[in-house]
Protein backbone atom coordinates (compact mmCIF):
# COMPACT_ATOMS: atom_id res chain seq x y z
CA MET A 1 20.15 -6.96 34.39
CA LYS A 2 17.45 -9.27 35.69
CA ASN A 3 15.41 -11.13 33.13
CA LEU A 4 11.67 -10.64 32.80
CA GLU A 5 10.67 -13.87 34.51
CA THR A 6 12.80 -13.04 37.57
CA LEU A 7 11.34 -9.52 37.76
CA ILE A 8 7.79 -10.83 37.64
CA GLN A 9 8.52 -13.42 40.33
CA GLU A 10 10.06 -10.79 42.59
CA LEU A 11 7.72 -7.84 41.98
CA CYS A 12 4.33 -9.26 41.06
CA PRO A 13 4.19 -13.02 41.73
CA ASP A 14 0.45 -12.87 42.49
CA GLY A 15 -0.49 -10.93 39.37
CA VAL A 16 -0.83 -7.25 38.46
CA GLU A 17 -3.41 -4.54 38.93
CA PHE A 18 -5.71 -3.74 36.02
CA VAL A 19 -6.63 -0.06 35.73
CA LYS A 20 -8.79 2.08 33.50
CA LEU A 21 -6.85 3.90 30.79
CA GLY A 22 -8.23 7.24 31.96
CA LYS A 23 -6.49 6.73 35.34
CA VAL A 24 -2.98 6.63 33.86
CA CYS A 25 -3.39 8.85 30.79
CA GLU A 26 -4.81 12.15 29.66
CA LEU A 27 -6.96 11.92 26.54
CA ARG A 28 -6.39 15.10 24.52
CA ALA A 29 -8.34 15.96 21.36
CA GLY A 30 -6.82 17.88 18.46
CA TRP A 31 -7.56 21.38 17.18
CA GLY A 32 -8.96 22.99 14.07
CA PHE A 33 -6.25 23.83 11.55
CA PRO A 34 -7.35 26.66 9.19
CA THR A 35 -6.11 26.34 5.61
CA LYS A 36 -4.49 29.78 5.75
CA GLU A 37 -2.20 28.56 8.54
CA GLN A 38 -1.07 25.47 6.64
CA GLY A 39 1.96 25.01 4.41
CA LEU A 40 4.80 26.26 6.62
CA LYS A 41 7.83 23.96 6.42
CA GLU A 42 9.51 25.39 9.51
CA GLY A 43 8.29 26.41 12.93
CA LYS A 44 8.46 25.57 16.62
CA TYR A 45 5.80 22.84 16.53
CA PRO A 46 4.97 20.20 13.93
CA PHE A 47 1.22 20.20 13.20
CA TYR A 48 0.17 16.68 12.28
CA LYS A 49 -2.75 15.41 10.24
CA VAL A 50 -3.89 11.79 9.90
CA ALA A 51 -2.17 11.55 6.50
CA ASP A 52 1.21 12.28 8.14
CA MET A 53 0.98 8.91 9.88
CA ASN A 54 1.50 7.23 6.51
CA ASN A 55 5.09 8.47 6.45
CA SER A 56 6.18 6.59 9.58
CA THR A 57 5.73 3.31 11.44
CA MET A 58 6.13 3.84 15.19
CA PHE A 59 7.49 7.36 15.66
CA MET A 60 6.35 10.63 14.04
CA SER A 61 9.64 11.84 12.64
CA SER A 62 8.56 14.42 10.04
CA ALA A 63 5.61 16.71 9.31
CA ASN A 64 4.17 18.46 6.28
CA ASN A 65 3.12 21.49 8.34
CA TYR A 66 4.65 23.53 11.16
CA ILE A 67 3.40 26.44 13.25
CA SER A 68 5.04 29.10 15.40
CA GLU A 69 4.48 29.55 19.13
CA GLU A 70 2.45 32.67 18.31
CA THR A 71 0.18 30.71 15.95
CA SER A 72 -0.28 27.96 18.54
CA ARG A 73 -1.55 30.59 20.99
CA LYS A 74 -3.83 32.10 18.36
CA LEU A 75 -5.31 28.68 17.56
CA ARG A 76 -5.47 27.90 21.30
CA CYS A 77 -3.41 24.76 20.75
CA LYS A 78 -1.79 23.21 23.77
CA PRO A 79 1.15 21.27 22.31
CA ALA A 80 1.23 17.63 23.36
CA PRO A 81 4.49 16.48 24.97
CA LYS A 82 7.06 14.11 23.56
CA GLY A 83 5.90 10.51 24.02
CA THR A 84 2.21 11.24 23.34
CA ILE A 85 0.51 8.46 21.36
CA ILE A 86 -1.68 9.79 18.54
CA PHE A 87 -4.24 8.01 16.34
CA PRO A 88 -7.22 8.80 14.06
CA LYS A 89 -10.41 9.53 15.97
CA ILE A 90 -13.02 9.70 13.18
CA GLY A 91 -13.82 8.22 9.78
CA ALA A 92 -12.62 5.26 7.75
CA THR A 93 -8.99 5.89 8.71
CA MET A 94 -9.75 4.42 12.14
CA ALA A 95 -9.88 1.03 10.42
CA THR A 96 -6.18 1.39 9.51
CA ASN A 97 -5.47 1.09 13.25
CA LYS A 98 -2.50 3.46 12.98
CA LYS A 99 -0.94 4.59 16.25
CA ARG A 100 2.19 6.72 16.43
CA ILE A 101 4.46 8.22 19.13
CA LEU A 102 5.47 11.91 19.09
CA THR A 103 9.22 12.47 19.20
CA GLN A 104 8.86 16.13 20.23
CA GLU A 105 6.25 18.61 21.41
CA ALA A 106 3.65 18.87 18.65
CA CYS A 107 0.10 19.82 17.74
CA TYR A 108 -2.38 17.80 15.70
CA ASP A 109 -5.69 18.53 14.00
CA ASN A 110 -9.21 17.70 15.12
CA ASN A 111 -9.28 14.37 13.28
CA VAL A 112 -6.60 13.10 15.67
CA MET A 113 -6.69 12.06 19.33
CA GLY A 114 -3.72 11.90 21.68
CA LEU A 115 -2.99 9.81 24.77
CA ILE A 116 -0.54 11.42 27.18
CA ALA A 117 0.93 8.86 29.61
CA HIS A 118 1.32 9.95 33.25
CA SER A 119 1.70 6.85 35.43
CA ILE A 120 2.85 4.37 32.79
CA ASN A 121 5.78 3.88 30.42
CA ALA A 122 4.60 5.52 27.17
CA LYS A 123 6.18 2.88 24.96
CA PHE A 124 4.75 0.07 27.08
CA LEU A 125 1.35 1.69 26.57
CA TYR A 126 1.99 1.89 22.82
CA TYR A 127 2.69 -1.85 22.68
CA LEU A 128 -0.44 -2.57 24.73
CA LEU A 129 -2.56 -0.49 22.36
CA SER A 130 -1.02 -2.26 19.36
CA GLN A 131 -3.19 -5.22 20.35
CA VAL A 132 -6.39 -3.17 20.24
CA GLU A 133 -8.53 -2.24 17.22
CA LEU A 134 -9.47 1.45 17.23
CA LEU A 135 -12.92 0.59 15.90
CA SER A 136 -13.64 -1.18 19.20
CA PHE A 137 -13.70 2.31 20.77
CA THR A 138 -16.36 3.75 18.44
CA ASN A 139 -19.84 4.78 19.52
CA GLY A 140 -21.56 2.48 17.01
CA PHE A 141 -23.91 5.19 15.75
CA GLY A 142 -24.09 6.73 12.29
CA ALA A 143 -22.41 5.92 9.01
CA VAL A 144 -19.10 7.58 9.99
CA PRO A 145 -17.25 5.86 12.87
CA SER A 146 -16.04 8.16 15.64
CA LEU A 147 -14.19 7.65 18.89
CA ASP A 148 -16.26 7.28 22.06
CA ARG A 149 -14.21 9.07 24.71
CA LYS A 150 -15.77 7.16 27.61
CA LYS A 151 -15.07 3.80 26.00
CA ILE A 152 -11.37 4.47 25.68
CA GLU A 153 -11.08 6.07 29.13
CA ASN A 154 -12.83 3.06 30.71
CA TYR A 155 -10.77 0.49 28.79
CA GLU A 156 -8.83 -1.65 31.30
CA ILE A 157 -5.14 -2.39 30.87
CA PRO A 158 -2.63 -4.33 32.99
CA LEU A 159 -0.28 -2.12 35.02
CA PRO A 160 2.79 -4.12 36.11
CA PRO A 161 5.61 -2.46 38.09
CA ILE A 162 7.64 0.06 36.09
CA GLU A 163 10.68 -2.27 36.10
CA VAL A 164 8.61 -4.95 34.34
CA GLN A 165 7.25 -2.41 31.85
CA THR A 166 10.78 -1.26 31.03
CA GLU A 167 12.07 -4.81 30.48
CA ILE A 168 9.14 -5.69 28.22
CA VAL A 169 9.76 -2.53 26.16
CA ARG A 170 13.45 -3.49 25.83
CA ILE A 171 12.55 -6.98 24.58
CA LEU A 172 9.87 -5.78 22.16
CA ASP A 173 12.08 -2.98 20.84
CA LYS A 174 14.74 -5.53 19.95
CA PHE A 175 12.20 -7.91 18.41
CA THR A 176 10.61 -5.05 16.43
CA SER A 177 14.02 -4.01 15.12
CA LEU A 178 14.88 -7.56 14.05
CA GLU A 179 11.53 -7.94 12.30
CA ALA A 180 11.99 -4.64 10.44
CA GLU A 181 15.49 -5.67 9.34
CA LEU A 182 14.20 -8.99 8.04
CA GLU A 183 11.36 -7.36 6.11
CA ALA A 184 13.80 -4.85 4.60
CA GLU A 185 16.11 -7.69 3.52
CA LEU A 186 13.26 -9.62 1.91
CA GLU A 187 11.99 -6.54 0.08
CA ALA A 188 15.52 -5.65 -1.04
CA GLU A 189 15.97 -9.17 -2.40
CA LEU A 190 12.76 -8.90 -4.40
CA ASP A 191 13.71 -5.46 -5.70
CA CYS A 192 17.13 -6.75 -6.76
CA ARG A 193 15.62 -9.73 -8.61
CA LYS A 194 13.07 -7.49 -10.34
CA ARG A 195 15.79 -5.08 -11.50
CA GLN A 196 17.89 -7.99 -12.77
CA TYR A 197 14.89 -9.29 -14.70
CA GLU A 198 14.06 -5.84 -16.14
CA TYR A 199 17.68 -5.34 -17.23
CA TYR A 200 17.81 -8.70 -18.96
CA ARG A 201 14.37 -8.21 -20.55
CA ASP A 202 15.30 -4.78 -21.91
CA LYS A 203 18.63 -6.10 -23.19
CA LEU A 204 16.94 -9.02 -24.91
CA LEU A 205 14.35 -6.76 -26.54
CA SER A 206 16.71 -3.95 -27.59
CA PHE A 207 18.25 -5.90 -30.51
CA ASP A 208 21.41 -3.80 -30.18
CA ASN A 209 24.47 -5.14 -31.97
CA VAL A 210 23.04 -8.64 -32.40
CA GLU A 211 24.43 -10.22 -35.53
CA GLY A 212 22.26 -12.49 -37.61
CA GLN A 213 18.97 -11.17 -36.20
CA GLU A 214 16.66 -9.56 -38.70
CA VAL A 215 14.41 -7.07 -36.99
CA GLU A 216 12.29 -4.29 -38.38
CA TRP A 217 11.26 -1.29 -36.29
CA LYS A 218 7.62 -0.50 -36.99
CA LYS A 219 5.09 1.99 -35.75
CA MET A 220 2.33 0.37 -33.71
CA SER A 221 -0.11 1.54 -36.38
CA GLU A 222 1.79 -0.72 -38.82
CA VAL A 223 1.79 -3.66 -36.42
CA GLY A 224 -1.91 -3.67 -35.56
CA THR A 225 -5.08 -1.67 -34.97
CA PHE A 226 -6.44 0.14 -31.93
CA ILE A 227 -10.00 0.40 -30.70
CA ARG A 228 -10.71 2.78 -27.81
CA GLY A 229 -12.93 1.28 -25.12
CA ASN A 230 -16.04 2.83 -23.63
CA GLY A 231 -18.44 2.17 -20.76
CA LEU A 232 -18.11 -0.71 -18.23
CA GLN A 233 -18.58 0.35 -14.63
CA LYS A 234 -18.11 -1.82 -11.57
CA LYS A 235 -21.89 -1.80 -11.06
CA ASP A 236 -22.13 -3.75 -14.35
CA PHE A 237 -20.33 -6.77 -12.86
CA THR A 238 -22.33 -9.98 -12.52
CA GLU A 239 -21.51 -13.44 -11.15
CA SER A 240 -21.66 -15.01 -14.61
CA GLY A 241 -22.06 -14.04 -18.25
CA VAL A 242 -19.51 -12.54 -20.64
CA GLY A 243 -15.99 -12.21 -19.27
CA CYS A 244 -14.82 -8.61 -18.84
CA ILE A 245 -11.71 -6.75 -17.71
CA HIS A 246 -12.07 -3.30 -16.15
CA TYR A 247 -9.13 -0.95 -16.73
CA GLY A 248 -8.55 -0.65 -12.98
CA GLN A 249 -8.03 -4.42 -12.74
CA ILE A 250 -5.09 -4.16 -15.15
CA TYR A 251 -3.25 -2.18 -12.46
CA THR A 252 -4.29 -4.18 -9.43
CA LYS A 253 -5.19 -7.74 -10.44
CA PHE A 254 -3.27 -8.85 -13.53
CA ASN A 255 0.35 -9.35 -14.53
CA THR A 256 1.58 -9.47 -18.15
CA PHE A 257 -1.00 -11.92 -19.50
CA THR A 258 -4.05 -13.93 -18.45
CA ASP A 259 -6.43 -16.56 -19.82
CA LYS A 260 -9.16 -15.92 -17.23
CA THR A 261 -11.21 -12.90 -16.22
CA LEU A 262 -12.11 -12.14 -12.63
CA THR A 263 -15.44 -10.52 -13.46
CA TYR A 264 -18.39 -10.87 -15.83
CA CYS A 265 -21.17 -8.74 -17.25
CA SER A 266 -24.51 -9.49 -18.88
CA GLU A 267 -24.80 -10.06 -22.63
CA ASN A 268 -26.84 -6.86 -22.94
CA VAL A 269 -24.05 -4.82 -21.36
CA ALA A 270 -21.35 -6.69 -23.34
CA ARG A 271 -22.95 -5.75 -26.66
CA LYS A 272 -22.31 -2.07 -25.85
CA LEU A 273 -18.66 -2.62 -24.90
CA THR A 274 -15.41 -3.14 -26.81
CA PRO A 275 -14.73 -6.77 -27.81
CA VAL A 276 -11.38 -8.38 -26.99
CA HIS A 277 -10.39 -11.35 -29.16
CA PRO A 278 -7.88 -14.08 -28.19
CA GLY A 279 -4.37 -12.65 -28.62
CA ASP A 280 -5.46 -9.02 -28.28
CA LEU A 281 -3.82 -6.68 -25.80
CA ILE A 282 -5.80 -4.48 -23.41
CA ILE A 283 -3.91 -1.26 -22.68
CA ALA A 284 -4.93 1.02 -19.79
CA CYS A 285 -4.67 4.50 -21.29
CA THR A 286 -5.41 6.43 -18.07
CA SER A 287 -3.46 6.39 -14.81
CA GLU A 288 -2.46 8.52 -11.85
CA ASN A 289 1.19 8.54 -12.95
CA VAL A 290 3.37 8.30 -16.05
CA GLU A 291 5.08 5.12 -14.84
CA ASP A 292 1.88 3.07 -14.83
CA VAL A 293 -0.03 4.52 -17.77
CA CYS A 294 -0.28 2.03 -20.66
CA LYS A 295 0.07 -0.98 -18.35
CA THR A 296 -0.95 -3.89 -20.53
CA VAL A 297 -2.41 -7.36 -20.21
CA ALA A 298 -2.46 -9.85 -23.09
CA TRP A 299 -5.69 -11.85 -23.38
CA LEU A 300 -4.79 -15.54 -23.92
CA GLY A 301 -8.23 -17.04 -23.30
CA LYS A 302 -10.05 -19.05 -25.96
CA GLU A 303 -13.22 -16.93 -26.05
CA ASP A 304 -13.96 -13.29 -26.75
CA ILE A 305 -14.34 -10.99 -23.75
CA VAL A 306 -15.02 -7.24 -23.41
CA THR A 307 -13.43 -4.17 -21.89
CA GLY A 308 -14.53 -0.59 -21.32
CA GLY A 309 -13.48 3.00 -20.89
CA HIS A 310 -9.99 4.30 -20.06
CA ALA A 311 -8.58 1.34 -22.02
CA CYS A 312 -7.95 0.43 -25.63
CA VAL A 313 -7.69 -2.89 -27.45
CA PHE A 314 -4.70 -3.59 -29.69
CA SER A 315 -5.29 -6.30 -32.32
CA HIS A 316 -2.34 -7.71 -34.27
CA HIS A 317 -0.82 -10.86 -35.81
CA GLU A 318 2.31 -11.12 -33.64
CA ASN A 319 3.01 -13.20 -30.55
CA PRO A 320 0.79 -11.48 -27.93
CA LYS A 321 3.20 -12.15 -25.09
CA TYR A 322 6.05 -10.69 -27.10
CA ILE A 323 4.18 -7.42 -27.67
CA ALA A 324 3.11 -7.31 -24.02
CA TYR A 325 6.74 -7.70 -22.91
CA LEU A 326 7.80 -4.92 -25.29
CA LEU A 327 5.33 -2.57 -23.65
CA GLN A 328 7.15 -3.04 -20.32
CA THR A 329 10.57 -1.97 -21.58
CA GLU A 330 12.50 1.23 -20.92
CA ASN A 331 12.41 1.98 -24.66
CA PHE A 332 8.60 1.95 -24.66
CA PHE A 333 8.53 4.04 -21.45
CA GLN A 334 10.71 6.77 -22.96
CA GLN A 335 8.47 6.93 -26.04
CA LYS A 336 5.14 6.97 -24.19
CA LYS A 337 6.43 9.63 -21.78
CA LYS A 338 6.56 12.12 -24.66
CA TYR A 339 2.84 11.68 -25.28
CA ALA A 340 1.57 11.59 -21.70
CA ARG A 341 -0.84 14.42 -20.91
CA GLY A 342 -2.34 15.63 -17.65
CA VAL A 343 -1.27 16.37 -14.06
CA LYS A 344 -3.44 14.51 -11.55
CA VAL A 345 -4.78 12.13 -14.21
CA ILE A 346 -2.41 10.99 -16.94
CA ASP A 347 -3.81 9.99 -20.33
CA ILE A 348 -2.31 8.90 -23.65
CA LYS A 349 -4.36 9.15 -26.83
CA VAL A 350 -4.63 6.27 -29.30
CA ALA A 351 -3.38 8.61 -32.05
CA ASP A 352 -0.14 9.01 -30.10
CA LEU A 353 0.21 5.31 -29.26
CA GLN A 354 0.11 4.62 -33.00
CA LYS A 355 3.34 6.62 -33.43
CA ILE A 356 5.38 4.51 -30.99
CA THR A 357 7.87 2.17 -32.70
CA LEU A 358 8.53 -1.45 -31.73
CA PRO A 359 11.18 -3.96 -32.88
CA ILE A 360 9.42 -6.76 -34.78
CA PRO A 361 11.55 -9.84 -35.59
CA SER A 362 10.24 -13.06 -37.14
CA LEU A 363 7.53 -14.98 -35.30
CA GLU A 364 10.05 -17.75 -34.66
CA GLU A 365 12.37 -15.28 -32.91
CA GLN A 366 9.45 -13.81 -30.96
CA HIS A 367 8.56 -17.29 -29.68
CA ARG A 368 12.18 -17.91 -28.63
CA ILE A 369 12.36 -14.62 -26.71
CA VAL A 370 8.99 -15.24 -25.06
CA SER A 371 10.07 -18.68 -23.85
CA ILE A 372 13.06 -17.08 -22.10
CA LEU A 373 11.09 -14.20 -20.59
CA ASP A 374 8.29 -16.51 -19.46
CA ARG A 375 10.75 -18.32 -17.21
CA PHE A 376 11.92 -15.02 -15.72
CA GLU A 377 8.32 -13.84 -15.34
CA SER A 378 7.44 -17.03 -13.49
CA LEU A 379 10.36 -16.63 -11.08
CA THR A 380 9.54 -12.97 -10.42
CA THR A 381 5.84 -13.69 -9.89
CA SER A 382 6.74 -16.51 -7.51
CA LEU A 383 8.94 -14.14 -5.51
CA GLN A 384 6.24 -11.45 -5.48
CA SER A 385 3.63 -13.86 -4.15
CA GLY A 386 6.02 -15.55 -1.73
CA LEU A 387 7.34 -12.35 -0.16
CA PRO A 388 4.03 -11.09 1.29
CA ALA A 389 3.35 -14.57 2.69
CA GLU A 390 6.78 -14.65 4.33
CA ILE A 391 6.34 -11.15 5.77
CA ALA A 392 2.83 -12.03 7.03
CA ALA A 393 4.21 -15.14 8.75
CA ARG A 394 6.94 -13.08 10.44
CA ARG A 395 4.39 -10.51 11.61
CA GLN A 396 2.14 -13.20 13.02
CA GLN A 397 5.12 -14.64 14.87
CA TYR A 398 5.95 -11.19 16.25
CA GLU A 399 2.34 -10.47 17.26
CA HIS A 400 2.07 -13.84 19.01
CA TYR A 401 5.24 -13.15 21.01
CA ARG A 402 4.16 -9.57 21.76
CA ASP A 403 0.71 -10.66 22.96
CA LYS A 404 2.27 -13.36 25.15
CA LEU A 405 4.60 -10.82 26.79
CA LEU A 406 1.70 -8.42 27.40
CA THR A 407 -0.65 -10.99 28.94
CA PHE A 408 -0.77 -10.81 32.73
CA LYS A 409 -2.60 -12.58 35.50
CA ARG A 410 -5.04 -10.21 37.20
CA LYS A 411 -4.14 -9.70 40.85
CA GLY A 412 -6.71 -11.31 43.11
CA ALA A 413 -8.11 -13.53 40.37
CA ALA A 414 -8.73 -17.15 41.30
């Protein structure tokens, strides 16, 4: 097999033609998909929605809805062939820049656009379009972005000989596979370390069969007091003032403990909110799932701050880190699960949290355990922050190589 450089020298030494996308592809819009036709798990044709793109990376391999050939005729759908490239054509999802390749004949709804390649290698086209932001094809009018058909049809792309396209696809396929393997290895390593840490943490905090350790199991109502939060919306945030922690930030911004807030509110707003004293725990009592509900952050700052609704403040006289670590254990999870209420929104009442029991050893023993877990926490946090940076670096390397392979001299250019 000839290498890419040899192929280019033999077939297009003076550069390649640039053509409008509409000359080598058919742009095919999607169809309306009535609710009454949705929900079938089997059928001749998958019927894709934008959300289905979240379940894949390059190829559309599964669908949440299928239709029969009879239904496709009734809906006047013309199934797109295998190899069609689909992407969102309206709304905020265009900013995700998702593009996927059909692996079989399929239909898609009217929020999706398809590109059917005729005179170009479909996968080569996919890699070319990976360089392009979908929002660059919008009409620029209105609050909701939408695809401008003429812009995409008039977009110019390089069209090297088919042999060159095929070789570039082979190279990028291999590079893509290697990158995916590396990312999977890095994520598996992180997952393994996290599970090791969780096992050791739970073992350390179970106090099972440990001689010489005096520990008393107490209800949380015996350990401290709860105050349910109220108020505090994101519109209340200011650049300075009284430090505040919104319950949503507990899920997205904080780990087990913190001595700094990311946001502030005015003193007038703070007076209406729930105070958090140094050493208190802020517990998020509302979540979208049982696993995350009651995620906790210990406040280790030197000044009082405030929190708001969907959270509660737990005040106590124990080591705050120790209690925060306890609330991450499997034992705590099994207890809170019994009190979780709701389907789409999960909530646990303060009255039920008070019933949960925790092992409370001496303060000296709490400090010893915390010093051990702090070291593990630091290692895990370091891995969690280092992994995304490593993956981002690998992706940048891949994108640089991809863009270099897909850059061609225009034929006839000086």
